[in-house]
C-alpha atoms as a PDB file:
ATOM      1  CA  MET A   1     -15.279   9.159 -10.984  1.00  0.00           C
ATOM      2  CA  THR A   2     -17.886   6.748  -9.731  1.00  0.00           C
ATOM      3  CA  ASN A   3     -17.941   6.436  -5.950  1.00  0.00           C
ATOM      4  CA  LEU A   4     -17.498   2.742  -5.272  1.00  0.00           C
ATOM      5  CA  ASN A   5     -17.497   3.142  -1.479  1.00  0.00           C
ATOM      6  CA  LYS A   6     -20.638   1.034  -1.101  1.00  0.00           C
ATOM      7  CA  ASN A   7     -19.549  -0.983   1.928  1.00  0.00           C
ATOM      8  CA  ASN A   8     -20.799  -0.454   5.455  1.00  0.00           C
ATOM      9  CA  SER A   9     -17.565   1.172   6.560  1.00  0.00           C
ATOM     10  CA  ALA A  10     -17.424   4.929   6.746  1.00  0.00           C
ATOM     11  CA  LYS A  11     -13.620   4.745   6.441  1.00  0.00           C
ATOM     12  CA  ILE A  12     -11.817   5.445   3.178  1.00  0.00           C
ATOM     13  CA  ILE A  13      -8.107   5.492   2.427  1.00  0.00           C
ATOM     14  CA  ASP A  14      -7.249   8.208  -0.091  1.00  0.00           C
ATOM     15  CA  ILE A  15      -3.822   7.933  -1.735  1.00  0.00           C
ATOM     16  CA  ASP A  16      -2.711  10.971  -3.729  1.00  0.00           C
ATOM     17  CA  VAL A  17       0.177   9.964  -5.980  1.00  0.00           C
ATOM     18  CA  ASN A  18       1.165  13.544  -6.853  1.00  0.00           C
ATOM     19  CA  GLU A  19       1.351  14.542  -3.204  1.00  0.00           C
ATOM     20  CA  GLN A  20       2.779  11.145  -2.068  1.00  0.00           C
ATOM     21  CA  LYS A  21       0.241  11.284   0.728  1.00  0.00           C
ATOM     22  CA  LEU A  22      -2.141   8.726   2.252  1.00  0.00           C
ATOM     23  CA  THR A  23      -5.135  10.103   4.117  1.00  0.00           C
ATOM     24  CA  LEU A  24      -7.464   8.031   6.280  1.00  0.00           C
ATOM     25  CA  LEU A  25     -10.961   9.500   6.352  1.00  0.00           C
ATOM     26  CA  GLU A  26     -13.910   8.500   8.496  1.00  0.00           C
ATOM     27  CA  ASP A  27     -17.296  10.004   7.651  1.00  0.00           C
ATOM     28  CA  ASP A  28     -15.410  12.462   5.389  1.00  0.00           C
ATOM     29  CA  VAL A  29     -13.300  13.699   8.330  1.00  0.00           C
ATOM     30  CA  VAL A  30      -9.498  13.348   8.200  1.00  0.00           C
ATOM     31  CA  VAL A  31      -8.420  10.878  10.893  1.00  0.00           C
ATOM     32  CA  ALA A  32      -4.742  10.557   9.919  1.00  0.00           C
ATOM     33  CA  CYS A  33      -2.345  11.590   7.179  1.00  0.00           C
ATOM     34  CA  TYR A  34       0.937   9.892   6.231  1.00  0.00           C
ATOM     35  CA  SER A  35       3.815  10.375   3.800  1.00  0.00           C
ATOM     36  CA  VAL A  36       4.140   7.437   1.413  1.00  0.00           C
ATOM     37  CA  SER A  37       6.173   6.306  -1.563  1.00  0.00           C
ATOM     38  CA  THR A  38       4.352   5.003  -4.636  1.00  0.00           C
ATOM     39  CA  ALA A  39       5.875   3.613  -7.850  1.00  0.00           C
ATOM     40  CA  LYS A  40       8.813   5.362  -9.448  1.00  0.00           C
ATOM     41  CA  ASN A  41       7.246   4.281 -12.782  1.00  0.00           C
ATOM     42  CA  GLY A  42       4.113   6.294 -11.965  1.00  0.00           C
ATOM     43  CA  ILE A  43       0.474   5.309 -12.351  1.00  0.00           C
ATOM     44  CA  GLY A  44      -0.363   2.263 -14.436  1.00  0.00           C
ATOM     45  CA  GLN A  45      -2.490  -0.830 -14.422  1.00  0.00           C
ATOM     46  CA  GLN A  46      -0.610  -3.363 -16.539  1.00  0.00           C
ATOM     47  CA  ASN A  47       0.869  -6.506 -14.993  1.00  0.00           C
ATOM     48  CA  GLY A  48       4.674  -6.260 -14.982  1.00  0.00           C
ATOM     49  CA  SER A  49       4.697  -2.475 -15.328  1.00  0.00           C
ATOM     50  CA  GLU A  50       5.919  -1.811 -11.774  1.00  0.00           C
ATOM     51  CA  CYS A  51       3.397   1.034 -11.675  1.00  0.00           C
ATOM     52  CA  THR A  52       0.930   1.880  -8.922  1.00  0.00           C
ATOM     53  CA  PRO A  53      -2.625   1.084 -10.084  1.00  0.00           C
ATOM     54  CA  SER A  54      -5.197   3.871  -9.945  1.00  0.00           C
ATOM     55  CA  GLY A  55      -8.886   3.800  -9.115  1.00  0.00           C
ATOM     56  CA  TRP A  56     -11.009   2.195  -6.420  1.00  0.00           C
ATOM     57  CA  HIS A  57      -9.647  -0.757  -4.488  1.00  0.00           C
ATOM     58  CA  THR A  58     -10.470  -2.606  -1.304  1.00  0.00           C
ATOM     59  CA  ILE A  59      -8.304  -4.117   1.396  1.00  0.00           C
ATOM     60  CA  ARG A  60      -8.698  -7.815   0.627  1.00  0.00           C
ATOM     61  CA  ILE A  61      -6.283  -9.311   3.158  1.00  0.00           C
ATOM     62  CA  LYS A  62      -4.476  -8.019   6.254  1.00  0.00           C
ATOM     63  CA  ILE A  63      -1.180  -9.769   7.003  1.00  0.00           C
ATOM     64  CA  GLY A  64       1.071  -9.415  10.041  1.00  0.00           C
ATOM     65  CA  VAL A  65      -1.322  -8.658  12.884  1.00  0.00           C
ATOM     66  CA  ASP A  66       1.054 -10.150  15.464  1.00  0.00           C
ATOM     67  CA  ALA A  67       4.353  -9.281  13.786  1.00  0.00           C
ATOM     68  CA  LYS A  68       7.013  -7.264  15.569  1.00  0.00           C
ATOM     69  CA  GLU A  69       8.007  -3.940  14.041  1.00  0.00           C
ATOM     70  CA  ASN A  70      10.568  -4.489  11.221  1.00  0.00           C
ATOM     71  CA  THR A  71       9.552  -8.140  10.702  1.00  0.00           C
ATOM     72  CA  VAL A  72      10.664  -9.138   7.201  1.00  0.00           C
ATOM     73  CA  PHE A  73       8.067 -10.682   4.886  1.00  0.00           C
ATOM     74  CA  ILE A  74       8.962 -12.725   1.824  1.00  0.00           C
ATOM     75  CA  GLY A  75       6.084 -14.043  -0.258  1.00  0.00           C
ATOM     76  CA  ARG A  76       3.669 -12.644   2.363  1.00  0.00           C
ATOM     77  CA  ARG A  77       5.170 -14.896   5.041  1.00  0.00           C
ATOM     78  CA  LYS A  78       7.441 -13.982   7.939  1.00  0.00           C
ATOM     79  CA  SER A  79      11.021 -14.832   6.969  1.00  0.00           C
ATOM     80  CA  GLY A  80      12.179 -15.132  10.585  1.00  0.00           C
ATOM     81  CA  GLU A  81      14.316 -12.010  10.153  1.00  0.00           C
ATOM     82  CA  ILE A  82      14.039  -8.606  11.776  1.00  0.00           C
ATOM     83  CA  PHE A  83      15.223  -5.821   9.484  1.00  0.00           C
ATOM     84  CA  ASN A  84      18.299  -3.805  10.417  1.00  0.00           C
ATOM     85  CA  GLU A  85      21.000  -1.966   8.466  1.00  0.00           C
ATOM     86  CA  GLU A  86      23.371  -4.948   8.614  1.00  0.00           C
ATOM     87  CA  LEU A  87      20.725  -7.190   6.999  1.00  0.00           C
ATOM     88  CA  LYS A  88      20.121  -4.483   4.378  1.00  0.00           C
ATOM     89  CA  GLN A  89      23.832  -4.460   3.513  1.00  0.00           C
ATOM     90  CA  GLN A  90      23.878  -8.268   3.284  1.00  0.00           C
ATOM     91  CA  HIS A  91      20.902  -8.246   0.853  1.00  0.00           C
ATOM     92  CA  PRO A  92      21.040  -4.979  -1.133  1.00  0.00           C
ATOM     93  CA  GLU A  93      18.872  -6.458  -3.916  1.00  0.00           C
ATOM     94  CA  ARG A  94      15.803  -7.025  -1.738  1.00  0.00           C
ATOM     95  CA  ASP A  95      12.652  -4.957  -2.050  1.00  0.00           C
ATOM     96  CA  TRP A  96      11.926  -4.839   1.698  1.00  0.00           C
ATOM     97  CA  ILE A  97       8.376  -5.598   2.829  1.00  0.00           C
ATOM     98  CA  LEU A  98       8.220  -5.058   6.566  1.00  0.00           C
ATOM     99  CA  THR A  99       5.940  -5.079   9.627  1.00  0.00           C
ATOM    100  CA  ARG A 100       2.418  -5.206   8.064  1.00  0.00           C
ATOM    101  CA  ILE A 101       0.791  -5.816   4.673  1.00  0.00           C
ATOM    102  CA  LEU A 102      -2.569  -4.530   3.440  1.00  0.00           C
ATOM    103  CA  TRP A 103      -3.123  -6.497   0.219  1.00  0.00           C
ATOM    104  CA  LEU A 104      -5.309  -4.602  -2.232  1.00  0.00           C
ATOM    105  CA  GLY A 105      -7.880  -5.884  -4.693  1.00  0.00           C
ATOM    106  CA  GLY A 106      -9.240  -3.766  -7.534  1.00  0.00           C
ATOM    107  CA  LEU A 107     -12.938  -2.931  -7.759  1.00  0.00           C
ATOM    108  CA  GLU A 108     -13.146  -1.670 -11.351  1.00  0.00           C
ATOM    109  CA  PRO A 109     -13.403  -4.447 -13.966  1.00  0.00           C
ATOM    110  CA  GLY A 110     -11.051  -3.860 -16.886  1.00  0.00           C
ATOM    111  CA  LYS A 111      -9.244  -1.073 -15.048  1.00  0.00           C
ATOM    112  CA  ASN A 112      -7.781  -2.726 -11.933  1.00  0.00           C
ATOM    113  CA  LYS A 113      -9.760  -5.974 -11.688  1.00  0.00           C
ATOM    114  CA  GLY A 114      -9.391  -8.982 -13.969  1.00  0.00           C
ATOM    115  CA  GLY A 115      -7.025  -9.987 -16.738  1.00  0.00           C
ATOM    116  CA  GLU A 116      -3.648  -8.283 -17.060  1.00  0.00           C
ATOM    117  CA  VAL A 117      -4.677  -5.340 -14.860  1.00  0.00           C
ATOM    118  CA  ASP A 118      -5.738  -7.204 -11.717  1.00  0.00           C
ATOM    119  CA  THR A 119      -4.365  -5.433  -8.629  1.00  0.00           C
ATOM    120  CA  LEU A 120      -4.694  -8.518  -6.403  1.00  0.00           C
ATOM    121  CA  ARG A 121      -2.843 -10.769  -8.877  1.00  0.00           C
ATOM    122  CA  ARG A 122      -0.176  -8.062  -9.267  1.00  0.00           C
ATOM    123  CA  TYR A 123       0.498  -8.343  -5.503  1.00  0.00           C
ATOM    124  CA  ILE A 124      -0.061  -4.640  -4.841  1.00  0.00           C
ATOM    125  CA  TYR A 125       0.154  -3.815  -1.140  1.00  0.00           C
ATOM    126  CA  ILE A 126       0.314  -0.978   1.302  1.00  0.00           C
ATOM    127  CA  HIS A 127       3.256  -2.107   3.442  1.00  0.00           C
ATOM    128  CA  GLY A 128       6.045  -1.070   5.751  1.00  0.00           C
ATOM    129  CA  CYS A 129       9.582  -0.559   4.536  1.00  0.00           C
ATOM    130  CA  PRO A 130      12.882   0.570   6.056  1.00  0.00           C
ATOM    131  CA  ASP A 131      12.382   3.861   7.866  1.00  0.00           C
ATOM    132  CA  SER A 132      15.641   5.008   6.264  1.00  0.00           C
ATOM    133  CA  ASP A 133      13.968   4.913   2.820  1.00  0.00           C
ATOM    134  CA  SER A 134      12.921   8.187   1.244  1.00  0.00           C
ATOM    135  CA  PHE A 135       9.281   9.170   1.555  1.00  0.00           C
ATOM    136  CA  SER A 136       7.313  11.861  -0.224  1.00  0.00           C
ATOM    137  CA  MET A 137       8.806  10.715  -3.518  1.00  0.00           C
ATOM    138  CA  PRO A 138       7.899   7.792  -5.788  1.00  0.00           C
ATOM    139  CA  LEU A 139      10.466   4.990  -5.398  1.00  0.00           C
ATOM    140  CA  SER A 140       8.519   1.716  -5.095  1.00  0.00           C
ATOM    141  CA  HIS A 141       8.000  -1.111  -7.591  1.00  0.00           C
ATOM    142  CA  GLY A 142       4.212  -0.561  -7.600  1.00  0.00           C
ATOM    143  CA  CYS A 143       3.199  -0.855  -3.970  1.00  0.00           C
ATOM    144  CA  VAL A 144       2.530   1.946  -1.514  1.00  0.00           C
ATOM    145  CA  LYS A 145       5.352   2.038   1.041  1.00  0.00           C
ATOM    146  CA  MET A 146       5.009   3.530   4.534  1.00  0.00           C
ATOM    147  CA  ARG A 147       7.125   4.008   7.643  1.00  0.00           C
ATOM    148  CA  ASN A 148       6.745   1.101  10.060  1.00  0.00           C
ATOM    149  CA  LYS A 149       5.041   3.010  12.889  1.00  0.00           C
ATOM    150  CA  ASP A 150       2.645   4.503  10.321  1.00  0.00           C
ATOM    151  CA  ILE A 151       1.658   1.160   8.752  1.00  0.00           C
ATOM    152  CA  ILE A 152       1.056  -0.282  12.244  1.00  0.00           C
ATOM    153  CA  GLU A 153      -1.247   2.618  13.093  1.00  0.00           C
ATOM    154  CA  LEU A 154      -3.093   2.407   9.780  1.00  0.00           C
ATOM    155  CA  PHE A 155      -3.367  -1.403   9.963  1.00  0.00           C
ATOM    156  CA  ASP A 156      -4.911  -1.176  13.432  1.00  0.00           C
ATOM    157  CA  ASN A 157      -7.494   1.372  12.259  1.00  0.00           C
ATOM    158  CA  VAL A 158      -8.839  -0.299   9.101  1.00  0.00           C
ATOM    159  CA  ASP A 159     -10.594  -3.548   8.278  1.00  0.00           C
ATOM    160  CA  THR A 160     -10.749  -5.798   5.275  1.00  0.00           C
ATOM    161  CA  ASP A 161     -13.234  -4.275   2.835  1.00  0.00           C
ATOM    162  CA  THR A 162     -12.078  -0.724   3.650  1.00  0.00           C
ATOM    163  CA  ARG A 163     -12.147   1.161   0.348  1.00  0.00           C
ATOM    164  CA  VAL A 164      -8.949   2.641  -1.065  1.00  0.00           C
ATOM    165  CA  LEU A 165      -8.838   5.312  -3.766  1.00  0.00           C
ATOM    166  CA  ILE A 166      -5.524   5.761  -5.591  1.00  0.00           C
ATOM    167  CA  HIS A 167      -5.386   8.821  -7.840  1.00  0.00           C
ATOM    168  CA  GLU A 168      -3.384  11.780  -9.076  1.00  0.00           C
ATOM    169  CA  SER A 169      -4.525  15.118  -7.698  1.00  0.00           C
ATOM    170  CA  LYS A 170      -5.126  17.998 -10.035  1.00  0.00           C
ATOM    171  CA  LYS A 171      -2.127  20.287 -10.153  1.00  0.00           C
END
């Protein structure tokens, strides 16, 4: 695969879908490693597929810098709610986006950038979710879900333009 990490940052986020693991690297050294949940529909690029897109991406937008842990986001805006189990029971249909959002944009034209495969237009994020959710197994609708304390730590240690590689490891 072509290395598209041509920015000035030495940081890369590596997301291994098979392992359900996100690794933050700086100068090829592991800085942090987190359990995540990617799409239950697997890897895929197509709009509407509810799959996690593969390939090279970049963090286009960081949302929630001042948000309290468990802040609920709807349409990338704070809803005014703080997530708890009672709220979850009141709204069982919600796909919870909590605490922080790292909105991804694809870097590979025709694969994850442009047309019906555009990661940014598909609203693919790395985001917080209820800590009671299962991790280390694919259960999302396309995004990469993390525990709230983990997304805060990651958010604070990356910038926009940080490169993100989403892939399946060789078994």
